[in-house]
């Protein structure tokens, strides 16, 4: 089966934002590795940190996650932190797509793709010029 992502998304240097997310003992499953729900939460935490640092002040509305896709590629382990890189893949009228790469010890553990939408609380709302500019500055370095 073909991989649903380009190998370019596995290159850390293509991402403009990076953060370390601590793993917890409670994140381990019976097999001794970080479970998929905990990895999803780590991506959410990294995305929230990215949003607070770059998006919230420019959104002029509510930001909602409308789609999340995660490809798991290798096991992650406690107590090493998960290094998460975040970058903007595309920007629409009211939405944008982020890619997130989770790594441990130089190995890609998982890749997350997320679609975010700016809303007025009930329906999609066009991105402000400031938000579009900010997202453009955080674009991934892709050909």
Protein backbone atom coordinates (compact mmCIF):
# COMPACT_ATOMS: atom_id res chain seq x y z
CA UNK A 1 0.00 0.00 0.00
CA UNK A 2 1.35 3.44 -0.93
CA UNK A 3 2.20 5.90 1.82
CA UNK A 4 -0.38 8.73 2.01
CA UNK A 5 2.30 11.42 2.45
CA UNK A 6 5.34 12.74 0.61
CA UNK A 7 8.77 11.82 2.03
CA UNK A 8 9.42 15.59 2.20
CA UNK A 9 7.16 15.69 5.28
CA UNK A 10 9.71 13.53 7.13
CA UNK A 11 12.46 16.16 6.78
CA UNK A 12 12.63 18.13 10.03
CA UNK A 13 14.34 21.15 8.47
CA UNK A 14 11.24 21.87 6.36
CA UNK A 15 9.22 22.82 9.47
CA UNK A 16 9.43 26.38 10.85
CA UNK A 17 8.21 25.62 14.39
CA UNK A 18 9.49 23.00 16.83
CA UNK A 19 8.67 22.11 20.42
CA UNK A 20 9.48 19.28 22.83
CA UNK A 21 6.49 17.59 24.45
CA UNK A 22 7.12 15.55 27.59
CA UNK A 23 5.94 11.96 27.61
CA UNK A 24 4.34 10.55 30.74
CA UNK A 25 4.47 7.14 32.37
CA UNK A 26 0.67 7.02 32.01
CA UNK A 27 1.06 7.37 28.22
CA UNK A 28 2.48 3.84 27.90
CA UNK A 29 0.40 0.91 26.79
CA UNK A 30 0.78 -2.74 27.81
CA UNK A 31 3.56 -3.17 25.23
CA UNK A 32 5.68 -0.46 26.88
CA UNK A 33 5.44 2.19 24.16
CA UNK A 34 3.53 5.46 23.98
CA UNK A 35 -0.02 4.68 22.84
CA UNK A 36 -1.69 6.30 19.85
CA UNK A 37 -4.08 8.39 21.95
CA UNK A 38 -1.12 9.90 23.84
CA UNK A 39 0.68 10.64 20.55
CA UNK A 40 -2.47 12.35 19.29
CA UNK A 41 -2.55 14.44 22.50
CA UNK A 42 1.11 15.39 22.01
CA UNK A 43 0.28 16.66 18.51
CA UNK A 44 -2.66 18.59 19.96
CA UNK A 45 -0.39 20.14 22.61
CA UNK A 46 2.21 21.17 20.01
CA UNK A 47 -0.54 22.60 17.79
CA UNK A 48 -1.99 24.57 20.73
CA UNK A 49 1.45 26.00 21.53
CA UNK A 50 1.84 26.97 17.86
CA UNK A 51 -1.64 28.55 17.88
CA UNK A 52 -1.04 30.53 21.08
CA UNK A 53 2.29 31.79 19.80
CA UNK A 54 1.28 32.62 16.24
CA UNK A 55 -2.46 32.38 15.51
CA UNK A 56 -4.69 33.44 18.38
CA UNK A 57 -3.89 37.15 18.25
CA UNK A 58 -4.52 37.29 14.48
CA UNK A 59 -7.57 35.02 14.05
CA UNK A 60 -10.36 37.44 15.07
CA UNK A 61 -12.66 34.49 15.68
CA UNK A 62 -12.75 30.97 16.99
CA UNK A 63 -10.42 28.34 15.58
CA UNK A 64 -11.76 24.82 15.16
CA UNK A 65 -10.08 21.56 14.19
CA UNK A 66 -12.24 19.95 11.52
CA UNK A 67 -10.06 17.02 10.37
CA UNK A 68 -7.09 15.14 11.80
CA UNK A 69 -5.13 12.35 10.12
CA UNK A 70 -2.25 10.55 11.80
CA UNK A 71 0.14 8.07 10.21
CA UNK A 72 2.03 6.05 12.82
CA UNK A 73 5.50 4.97 11.67
CA UNK A 74 7.55 3.89 14.69
CA UNK A 75 7.15 3.32 18.40
CA UNK A 76 7.70 6.18 20.82
CA UNK A 77 8.92 5.47 24.34
CA UNK A 78 8.79 6.91 27.84
CA UNK A 79 10.61 8.90 29.29
CA UNK A 80 12.11 10.52 26.16
CA UNK A 81 10.29 13.67 25.04
CA UNK A 82 8.55 13.77 21.69
CA UNK A 83 10.07 16.39 19.40
CA UNK A 84 7.19 17.86 17.38
CA UNK A 85 7.68 20.08 14.34
CA UNK A 86 4.76 22.12 12.95
CA UNK A 87 4.32 23.90 9.63
CA UNK A 88 1.59 25.33 7.42
CA UNK A 89 0.98 23.28 4.27
CA UNK A 90 -1.78 25.32 2.62
CA UNK A 91 -3.97 28.37 3.26
CA UNK A 92 -7.56 28.78 2.07
CA UNK A 93 -10.16 31.51 2.45
CA UNK A 94 -11.19 30.48 5.96
CA UNK A 95 -9.07 27.40 6.62
CA UNK A 96 -5.50 26.15 6.65
CA UNK A 97 -3.74 22.80 6.80
CA UNK A 98 -0.91 22.04 9.20
CA UNK A 99 1.57 19.19 9.12
CA UNK A 100 3.15 17.93 12.34
CA UNK A 101 6.07 15.54 12.56
CA UNK A 102 6.68 13.68 15.83
CA UNK A 103 10.19 12.34 16.38
CA UNK A 104 12.21 10.63 19.10
CA UNK A 105 15.96 10.10 18.97
CA UNK A 106 16.03 11.20 15.32
CA UNK A 107 13.38 8.67 14.26
CA UNK A 108 10.01 9.73 12.80
CA UNK A 109 7.31 8.21 15.02
CA UNK A 110 4.20 9.78 13.49
CA UNK A 111 3.02 12.35 10.99
CA UNK A 112 -0.14 14.37 11.58
CA UNK A 113 -2.12 16.46 9.08
CA UNK A 114 -4.75 18.81 10.49
CA UNK A 115 -7.32 21.09 8.85
CA UNK A 116 -8.18 24.15 10.92
CA UNK A 117 -11.04 26.59 10.25
CA UNK A 118 -11.54 30.15 11.44
CA UNK A 119 -15.17 30.59 12.54
CA UNK A 120 -17.49 33.16 14.03
CA UNK A 121 -18.69 30.45 16.42
CA UNK A 122 -21.32 29.06 14.05
CA UNK A 123 -19.91 29.14 10.53
CA UNK A 124 -16.65 29.62 8.66
CA UNK A 125 -15.26 33.13 8.71
CA UNK A 126 -12.71 34.52 6.23
CA UNK A 127 -9.17 34.79 7.52
CA UNK A 128 -8.04 38.32 8.29
CA UNK A 129 -5.15 39.76 6.30
CA UNK A 130 -3.05 39.54 9.47
CA UNK A 131 -3.88 35.86 9.90
CA UNK A 132 -3.10 35.08 6.26
CA UNK A 133 0.24 36.91 6.58
CA UNK A 134 1.12 35.06 9.79
CA UNK A 135 0.23 31.66 8.30
CA UNK A 136 2.24 32.47 5.16
CA UNK A 137 5.31 33.17 7.35
CA UNK A 138 4.91 29.72 8.95
CA UNK A 139 4.65 27.80 5.66
CA UNK A 140 6.72 24.67 5.30
CA UNK A 141 9.68 24.78 2.97
CA UNK A 142 8.21 22.56 0.24
CA UNK A 143 8.90 22.61 -3.51
